[in-house]
N, C-alpha and C. Protein backbone atom coordinates (compact mmCIF):
# COMPACT_ATOMS: atom_id res chain seq x y z
N MET A 1 0.86 159.99 74.74
CA MET A 1 1.39 158.75 74.19
C MET A 1 2.00 159.04 72.82
N THR A 2 3.20 158.59 72.63
CA THR A 2 3.88 158.78 71.35
C THR A 2 3.70 157.54 70.49
N PRO A 3 3.96 157.65 69.19
CA PRO A 3 3.85 156.47 68.31
C PRO A 3 4.76 155.33 68.74
N PHE A 4 5.83 155.64 69.46
CA PHE A 4 6.77 154.60 69.89
C PHE A 4 6.28 153.84 71.12
N ASP A 5 5.21 154.33 71.76
CA ASP A 5 4.64 153.66 72.92
C ASP A 5 3.68 152.54 72.52
N ARG A 6 3.27 152.53 71.28
CA ARG A 6 2.32 151.52 70.78
C ARG A 6 3.07 150.44 70.01
N PRO A 7 2.49 149.22 69.98
CA PRO A 7 3.11 148.18 69.15
C PRO A 7 3.08 148.60 67.69
N PRO A 8 4.06 148.17 66.92
CA PRO A 8 4.08 148.50 65.49
C PRO A 8 2.83 147.96 64.79
N VAL A 9 2.39 148.66 63.76
CA VAL A 9 1.21 148.25 63.01
C VAL A 9 1.38 146.84 62.46
N GLY A 10 2.58 146.53 61.98
CA GLY A 10 2.84 145.20 61.44
C GLY A 10 2.65 144.11 62.47
N MET A 11 3.01 144.38 63.73
CA MET A 11 2.83 143.40 64.80
C MET A 11 1.34 143.17 65.05
N ASN A 12 0.57 144.24 65.10
CA ASN A 12 -0.88 144.10 65.29
C ASN A 12 -1.51 143.36 64.12
N LEU A 13 -1.06 143.65 62.93
CA LEU A 13 -1.59 142.98 61.74
C LEU A 13 -1.28 141.49 61.78
N ALA A 14 -0.07 141.13 62.16
CA ALA A 14 0.32 139.72 62.24
C ALA A 14 -0.51 138.98 63.28
N ARG A 15 -0.73 139.59 64.42
CA ARG A 15 -1.56 138.96 65.47
C ARG A 15 -2.99 138.79 65.00
N THR A 16 -3.53 139.83 64.38
CA THR A 16 -4.90 139.76 63.88
C THR A 16 -5.04 138.68 62.82
N SER A 17 -4.08 138.61 61.93
CA SER A 17 -4.10 137.58 60.89
C SER A 17 -4.11 136.18 61.49
N LYS A 18 -3.32 135.98 62.52
CA LYS A 18 -3.25 134.67 63.17
C LYS A 18 -4.59 134.31 63.81
N VAL A 19 -5.22 135.25 64.48
CA VAL A 19 -6.50 134.99 65.13
C VAL A 19 -7.58 134.68 64.09
N VAL A 20 -7.61 135.45 63.02
CA VAL A 20 -8.59 135.22 61.95
C VAL A 20 -8.36 133.85 61.30
N ALA A 21 -7.11 133.51 61.03
CA ALA A 21 -6.79 132.22 60.41
C ALA A 21 -7.21 131.07 61.31
N GLN A 22 -6.98 131.19 62.61
CA GLN A 22 -7.38 130.13 63.54
C GLN A 22 -8.90 129.98 63.58
N ALA A 23 -9.61 131.08 63.58
CA ALA A 23 -11.08 131.03 63.59
C ALA A 23 -11.60 130.41 62.30
N PHE A 24 -11.00 130.76 61.17
CA PHE A 24 -11.42 130.21 59.89
C PHE A 24 -11.14 128.71 59.83
N ASP A 25 -9.96 128.30 60.29
CA ASP A 25 -9.62 126.88 60.34
C ASP A 25 -10.61 126.11 61.21
N ALA A 26 -10.97 126.67 62.35
CA ALA A 26 -11.92 126.01 63.24
C ALA A 26 -13.29 125.87 62.58
N ALA A 27 -13.72 126.90 61.86
CA ALA A 27 -15.00 126.83 61.15
C ALA A 27 -14.96 125.77 60.05
N LEU A 28 -13.84 125.67 59.35
CA LEU A 28 -13.71 124.64 58.31
C LEU A 28 -13.75 123.24 58.92
N VAL A 29 -13.04 123.04 60.02
CA VAL A 29 -13.04 121.73 60.68
C VAL A 29 -14.44 121.38 61.16
N GLU A 30 -15.14 122.35 61.72
CA GLU A 30 -16.51 122.12 62.19
C GLU A 30 -17.42 121.69 61.04
N ALA A 31 -17.16 122.19 59.85
CA ALA A 31 -17.95 121.84 58.67
C ALA A 31 -17.43 120.57 57.99
N GLY A 32 -16.37 119.98 58.55
CA GLY A 32 -15.82 118.75 57.99
C GLY A 32 -14.80 118.95 56.90
N GLY A 33 -14.21 120.13 56.83
CA GLY A 33 -13.24 120.43 55.77
C GLY A 33 -11.89 120.83 56.31
N THR A 34 -11.03 121.19 55.38
CA THR A 34 -9.70 121.70 55.72
C THR A 34 -9.39 122.88 54.80
N LEU A 35 -8.41 123.65 55.17
CA LEU A 35 -8.04 124.80 54.34
C LEU A 35 -7.56 124.37 52.95
N PRO A 36 -6.69 123.36 52.83
CA PRO A 36 -6.27 122.96 51.48
C PRO A 36 -7.43 122.50 50.59
N VAL A 37 -8.37 121.77 51.16
CA VAL A 37 -9.53 121.31 50.37
C VAL A 37 -10.38 122.51 49.97
N TRP A 38 -10.60 123.44 50.89
CA TRP A 38 -11.40 124.62 50.58
C TRP A 38 -10.74 125.44 49.47
N LEU A 39 -9.42 125.64 49.59
CA LEU A 39 -8.69 126.39 48.56
C LEU A 39 -8.77 125.69 47.20
N THR A 40 -8.68 124.37 47.21
CA THR A 40 -8.78 123.61 45.97
C THR A 40 -10.14 123.80 45.33
N LEU A 41 -11.20 123.62 46.10
CA LEU A 41 -12.55 123.76 45.56
C LEU A 41 -12.81 125.19 45.08
N LEU A 42 -12.37 126.16 45.84
CA LEU A 42 -12.55 127.56 45.47
C LEU A 42 -11.82 127.88 44.17
N SER A 43 -10.60 127.37 44.04
CA SER A 43 -9.81 127.62 42.83
C SER A 43 -10.43 126.97 41.61
N VAL A 44 -10.90 125.75 41.77
CA VAL A 44 -11.55 125.05 40.64
C VAL A 44 -12.80 125.79 40.22
N LYS A 45 -13.57 126.27 41.19
CA LYS A 45 -14.82 126.97 40.88
C LYS A 45 -14.57 128.32 40.20
N SER A 46 -13.53 129.01 40.61
CA SER A 46 -13.36 130.39 40.15
C SER A 46 -12.49 130.56 38.92
N LYS A 47 -11.75 129.54 38.53
CA LYS A 47 -10.83 129.68 37.38
C LYS A 47 -10.94 128.47 36.47
N GLU A 48 -10.64 128.71 35.21
CA GLU A 48 -10.49 127.61 34.27
C GLU A 48 -9.02 127.24 34.23
N LEU A 49 -8.71 126.09 34.78
CA LEU A 49 -7.32 125.64 34.85
C LEU A 49 -7.13 124.43 33.95
N ALA A 50 -6.00 124.37 33.30
CA ALA A 50 -5.75 123.31 32.34
C ALA A 50 -5.26 122.03 33.00
N ASN A 51 -4.56 122.14 34.13
CA ASN A 51 -4.00 120.93 34.72
C ASN A 51 -3.75 121.11 36.22
N GLN A 52 -3.34 120.00 36.85
CA GLN A 52 -3.11 120.03 38.29
C GLN A 52 -1.94 120.93 38.67
N ARG A 53 -0.95 121.05 37.82
CA ARG A 53 0.20 121.91 38.12
C ARG A 53 -0.26 123.36 38.27
N GLU A 54 -1.12 123.81 37.36
CA GLU A 54 -1.64 125.18 37.46
C GLU A 54 -2.47 125.36 38.73
N LEU A 55 -3.28 124.36 39.05
CA LEU A 55 -4.10 124.42 40.25
C LEU A 55 -3.22 124.48 41.50
N ALA A 56 -2.20 123.63 41.55
CA ALA A 56 -1.28 123.64 42.70
C ALA A 56 -0.59 124.99 42.83
N GLY A 57 -0.16 125.55 41.70
CA GLY A 57 0.49 126.86 41.73
C GLY A 57 -0.44 127.95 42.22
N MET A 58 -1.69 127.88 41.81
CA MET A 58 -2.66 128.89 42.23
C MET A 58 -2.90 128.82 43.75
N ILE A 59 -2.90 127.61 44.28
CA ILE A 59 -3.14 127.42 45.71
C ILE A 59 -1.87 127.70 46.52
N GLY A 60 -0.72 127.50 45.90
CA GLY A 60 0.54 127.73 46.59
C GLY A 60 1.10 126.48 47.24
N ILE A 61 0.80 125.31 46.64
CA ILE A 61 1.33 124.05 47.16
C ILE A 61 2.01 123.28 46.04
N GLN A 62 2.70 122.21 46.40
CA GLN A 62 3.36 121.36 45.42
C GLN A 62 2.34 120.43 44.77
N GLY A 63 2.66 119.98 43.56
CA GLY A 63 1.77 119.08 42.85
C GLY A 63 1.47 117.80 43.61
N ALA A 64 2.48 117.22 44.25
CA ALA A 64 2.26 115.98 45.01
C ALA A 64 1.32 116.21 46.19
N THR A 65 1.43 117.37 46.81
CA THR A 65 0.54 117.70 47.91
C THR A 65 -0.89 117.85 47.41
N LEU A 66 -1.06 118.47 46.26
CA LEU A 66 -2.39 118.61 45.67
C LEU A 66 -2.97 117.23 45.37
N THR A 67 -2.16 116.34 44.82
CA THR A 67 -2.63 114.99 44.51
C THR A 67 -3.13 114.32 45.78
N HIS A 68 -2.42 114.48 46.87
CA HIS A 68 -2.84 113.92 48.16
C HIS A 68 -4.22 114.45 48.54
N HIS A 69 -4.43 115.75 48.43
CA HIS A 69 -5.71 116.35 48.80
C HIS A 69 -6.83 115.92 47.85
N LEU A 70 -6.53 115.84 46.57
CA LEU A 70 -7.53 115.40 45.60
C LEU A 70 -7.93 113.96 45.87
N ASN A 71 -6.98 113.10 46.16
CA ASN A 71 -7.29 111.70 46.46
C ASN A 71 -8.15 111.59 47.71
N ALA A 72 -7.88 112.42 48.71
CA ALA A 72 -8.66 112.40 49.95
C ALA A 72 -10.09 112.88 49.71
N MET A 73 -10.30 113.71 48.69
CA MET A 73 -11.63 114.23 48.39
C MET A 73 -12.50 113.21 47.66
N GLU A 74 -11.89 112.19 47.07
CA GLU A 74 -12.65 111.21 46.30
C GLU A 74 -13.55 110.39 47.19
């Protein structure tokens, strides 16, 4: 078997990432949470952030989206 007979490493990595992400999402839903809420709580716990803009940037979402998630957590 030559290296060209196997799927590229990047393809395997992408598939594995998708499976892991789906399993993690399912575990969060089972616990009553979501990925954005988990990321928000994790970011708040692990960093000292001055404002919502910094928190949104750290999570990788827009400020308005963060506001939506924060309101849902209340």
